[in-house]
């Protein structure tokens, strides 16, 4: 199983849910190869869209035990679906999991930026 996780919202450093990742290895800041729409639901929800924007986030190396807690937080399988995608990490293309919203809701996050960097 792939052990890397790309986070783009409340799991990022400095935000409230990053406490779930304190025992994991931070690998660095990365940008998604795929494009997404983001919805502001009080937290960011990413929906795959080839005409959307790239996402800037962070990649961590997790254990299966760590994924248990992030899956619970993200309601994996009911609110979000964890999927493998590709990311540019320091110029290297790596595969990592990302939580993608199953049914988008909230306000569409509009920006002219080519890369979305959610600040919380």
C-alpha atoms as a PDB file:
ATOM      1  CA  UNK A   1       0.000   0.000   0.000  1.00  0.00           C
ATOM      2  CA  UNK A   2       1.201   3.499  -0.841  1.00  0.00           C
ATOM      3  CA  UNK A   3       2.154   5.256   2.393  1.00  0.00           C
ATOM      4  CA  UNK A   4       2.212   8.889   1.260  1.00  0.00           C
ATOM      5  CA  UNK A   5      -0.678  11.302   1.864  1.00  0.00           C
ATOM      6  CA  UNK A   6      -1.159  14.673   0.156  1.00  0.00           C
ATOM      7  CA  UNK A   7      -3.081  17.139   2.330  1.00  0.00           C
ATOM      8  CA  UNK A   8      -4.484  20.456   1.119  1.00  0.00           C
ATOM      9  CA  UNK A   9      -6.716  21.649   3.958  1.00  0.00           C
ATOM     10  CA  UNK A  10      -7.087  21.329   7.718  1.00  0.00           C
ATOM     11  CA  UNK A  11      -4.404  18.609   7.954  1.00  0.00           C
ATOM     12  CA  UNK A  12      -1.698  21.065   6.804  1.00  0.00           C
ATOM     13  CA  UNK A  13       0.894  22.416   9.238  1.00  0.00           C
ATOM     14  CA  UNK A  14      -0.450  25.209  11.399  1.00  0.00           C
ATOM     15  CA  UNK A  15      -4.089  24.140  10.982  1.00  0.00           C
ATOM     16  CA  UNK A  16      -6.300  22.373  13.505  1.00  0.00           C
ATOM     17  CA  UNK A  17      -6.229  18.776  12.311  1.00  0.00           C
ATOM     18  CA  UNK A  18      -2.466  18.604  11.747  1.00  0.00           C
ATOM     19  CA  UNK A  19      -2.284  17.123  15.253  1.00  0.00           C
ATOM     20  CA  UNK A  20      -3.165  13.791  13.626  1.00  0.00           C
ATOM     21  CA  UNK A  21       0.104  13.926  11.685  1.00  0.00           C
ATOM     22  CA  UNK A  22       2.545  14.893  14.464  1.00  0.00           C
ATOM     23  CA  UNK A  23       4.059  11.386  14.540  1.00  0.00           C
ATOM     24  CA  UNK A  24       4.425  11.117  10.753  1.00  0.00           C
ATOM     25  CA  UNK A  25       7.257  12.206   8.468  1.00  0.00           C
ATOM     26  CA  UNK A  26       6.696  15.508   6.655  1.00  0.00           C
ATOM     27  CA  UNK A  27       8.168  15.038   3.162  1.00  0.00           C
ATOM     28  CA  UNK A  28       7.587  18.532   1.815  1.00  0.00           C
ATOM     29  CA  UNK A  29       5.365  20.910  -0.092  1.00  0.00           C
ATOM     30  CA  UNK A  30       3.949  19.513  -3.331  1.00  0.00           C
ATOM     31  CA  UNK A  31       1.638  20.458  -6.206  1.00  0.00           C
ATOM     32  CA  UNK A  32      -0.959  18.196  -7.771  1.00  0.00           C
ATOM     33  CA  UNK A  33      -0.446  17.061 -11.345  1.00  0.00           C
ATOM     34  CA  UNK A  34      -4.225  16.676 -11.732  1.00  0.00           C
ATOM     35  CA  UNK A  35      -6.581  19.626 -11.589  1.00  0.00           C
ATOM     36  CA  UNK A  36      -9.449  20.080  -9.173  1.00  0.00           C
ATOM     37  CA  UNK A  37     -12.334  22.330  -8.242  1.00  0.00           C
ATOM     38  CA  UNK A  38     -12.359  23.426  -4.618  1.00  0.00           C
ATOM     39  CA  UNK A  39     -15.502  24.054  -2.617  1.00  0.00           C
ATOM     40  CA  UNK A  40     -15.507  26.002   0.643  1.00  0.00           C
ATOM     41  CA  UNK A  41     -17.544  23.913   3.058  1.00  0.00           C
ATOM     42  CA  UNK A  42     -15.987  25.522   6.118  1.00  0.00           C
ATOM     43  CA  UNK A  43     -13.074  23.304   5.084  1.00  0.00           C
ATOM     44  CA  UNK A  44     -11.827  22.679   1.547  1.00  0.00           C
ATOM     45  CA  UNK A  45     -13.363  19.939  -0.568  1.00  0.00           C
ATOM     46  CA  UNK A  46     -11.497  18.938  -3.740  1.00  0.00           C
ATOM     47  CA  UNK A  47     -13.383  17.560  -6.742  1.00  0.00           C
ATOM     48  CA  UNK A  48     -11.430  16.217  -9.727  1.00  0.00           C
ATOM     49  CA  UNK A  49     -11.935  18.418 -12.798  1.00  0.00           C
ATOM     50  CA  UNK A  50      -9.480  18.417 -15.733  1.00  0.00           C
ATOM     51  CA  UNK A  51     -10.405  22.086 -16.323  1.00  0.00           C
ATOM     52  CA  UNK A  52      -9.879  23.070 -12.671  1.00  0.00           C
ATOM     53  CA  UNK A  53      -6.779  24.266 -10.825  1.00  0.00           C
ATOM     54  CA  UNK A  54      -3.702  22.540  -9.434  1.00  0.00           C
ATOM     55  CA  UNK A  55      -3.562  22.170  -5.631  1.00  0.00           C
ATOM     56  CA  UNK A  56      -0.634  23.117  -3.438  1.00  0.00           C
ATOM     57  CA  UNK A  57      -0.319  21.083  -0.283  1.00  0.00           C
ATOM     58  CA  UNK A  58       1.936  18.919   1.831  1.00  0.00           C
ATOM     59  CA  UNK A  59       2.972  15.289   1.621  1.00  0.00           C
ATOM     60  CA  UNK A  60       3.446  13.079   4.653  1.00  0.00           C
ATOM     61  CA  UNK A  61       4.572   9.473   5.053  1.00  0.00           C
ATOM     62  CA  UNK A  62       1.980   7.607   7.107  1.00  0.00           C
ATOM     63  CA  UNK A  63       1.633   4.176   8.651  1.00  0.00           C
ATOM     64  CA  UNK A  64      -1.507   2.097   8.269  1.00  0.00           C
ATOM     65  CA  UNK A  65      -2.332   3.112  11.852  1.00  0.00           C
ATOM     66  CA  UNK A  66      -2.096   6.814  10.896  1.00  0.00           C
ATOM     67  CA  UNK A  67      -4.432   6.248   7.928  1.00  0.00           C
ATOM     68  CA  UNK A  68      -7.030   4.834  10.312  1.00  0.00           C
ATOM     69  CA  UNK A  69      -7.276   8.249  12.016  1.00  0.00           C
ATOM     70  CA  UNK A  70      -7.208  10.357   8.843  1.00  0.00           C
ATOM     71  CA  UNK A  71      -9.831   8.071   7.256  1.00  0.00           C
ATOM     72  CA  UNK A  72     -12.046   8.602  10.310  1.00  0.00           C
ATOM     73  CA  UNK A  73     -11.562  12.389  10.177  1.00  0.00           C
ATOM     74  CA  UNK A  74     -12.345  12.557   6.464  1.00  0.00           C
ATOM     75  CA  UNK A  75     -15.250  10.055   6.656  1.00  0.00           C
ATOM     76  CA  UNK A  76     -13.506   8.013   3.960  1.00  0.00           C
ATOM     77  CA  UNK A  77     -16.077   6.216   1.844  1.00  0.00           C
ATOM     78  CA  UNK A  78     -19.020   8.447   2.787  1.00  0.00           C
ATOM     79  CA  UNK A  79     -17.878  12.109   2.615  1.00  0.00           C
ATOM     80  CA  UNK A  80     -14.505  11.751   0.915  1.00  0.00           C
ATOM     81  CA  UNK A  81     -12.939   8.975  -1.128  1.00  0.00           C
ATOM     82  CA  UNK A  82      -9.211   8.388  -0.699  1.00  0.00           C
ATOM     83  CA  UNK A  83      -7.560   8.004  -4.132  1.00  0.00           C
ATOM     84  CA  UNK A  84      -4.019   7.680  -5.468  1.00  0.00           C
ATOM     85  CA  UNK A  85      -2.891  10.601  -7.636  1.00  0.00           C
ATOM     86  CA  UNK A  86       0.427  12.067  -8.796  1.00  0.00           C
ATOM     87  CA  UNK A  87       2.153  15.088  -7.281  1.00  0.00           C
ATOM     88  CA  UNK A  88       5.248  17.155  -7.978  1.00  0.00           C
ATOM     89  CA  UNK A  89       7.405  16.958  -4.845  1.00  0.00           C
ATOM     90  CA  UNK A  90      10.671  18.907  -5.211  1.00  0.00           C
ATOM     91  CA  UNK A  91      10.704  18.262  -8.975  1.00  0.00           C
ATOM     92  CA  UNK A  92      10.032  14.527  -8.626  1.00  0.00           C
ATOM     93  CA  UNK A  93       6.675  12.965  -9.553  1.00  0.00           C
ATOM     94  CA  UNK A  94       5.410  10.853  -6.638  1.00  0.00           C
ATOM     95  CA  UNK A  95       2.209   8.940  -6.033  1.00  0.00           C
ATOM     96  CA  UNK A  96       0.245   9.730  -2.899  1.00  0.00           C
ATOM     97  CA  UNK A  97      -3.237   9.398  -1.519  1.00  0.00           C
ATOM     98  CA  UNK A  98      -5.566  12.417  -1.562  1.00  0.00           C
ATOM     99  CA  UNK A  99      -9.061  12.780  -0.098  1.00  0.00           C
ATOM    100  CA  UNK A 100     -11.521  13.767  -2.856  1.00  0.00           C
ATOM    101  CA  UNK A 101     -15.079  14.837  -2.024  1.00  0.00           C
ATOM    102  CA  UNK A 102     -17.727  12.344  -3.144  1.00  0.00           C
ATOM    103  CA  UNK A 103     -20.589  14.845  -3.488  1.00  0.00           C
ATOM    104  CA  UNK A 104     -19.431  18.477  -3.663  1.00  0.00           C
ATOM    105  CA  UNK A 105     -21.276  21.031  -1.537  1.00  0.00           C
ATOM    106  CA  UNK A 106     -20.642  24.495  -0.188  1.00  0.00           C
ATOM    107  CA  UNK A 107     -19.485  27.527  -2.127  1.00  0.00           C
ATOM    108  CA  UNK A 108     -17.343  27.099  -5.237  1.00  0.00           C
ATOM    109  CA  UNK A 109     -13.928  28.591  -4.455  1.00  0.00           C
ATOM    110  CA  UNK A 110     -13.127  31.027  -7.278  1.00  0.00           C
ATOM    111  CA  UNK A 111      -9.629  32.281  -7.902  1.00  0.00           C
ATOM    112  CA  UNK A 112      -7.577  33.527 -10.817  1.00  0.00           C
ATOM    113  CA  UNK A 113      -4.514  31.710  -9.450  1.00  0.00           C
ATOM    114  CA  UNK A 114      -3.406  28.661 -11.417  1.00  0.00           C
ATOM    115  CA  UNK A 115      -2.527  26.852  -8.167  1.00  0.00           C
ATOM    116  CA  UNK A 116      -4.858  26.847  -5.150  1.00  0.00           C
ATOM    117  CA  UNK A 117      -3.116  27.102  -1.796  1.00  0.00           C
ATOM    118  CA  UNK A 118      -5.818  26.844   0.885  1.00  0.00           C
ATOM    119  CA  UNK A 119      -4.925  28.962   3.906  1.00  0.00           C
ATOM    120  CA  UNK A 120      -7.749  27.902   6.216  1.00  0.00           C
END
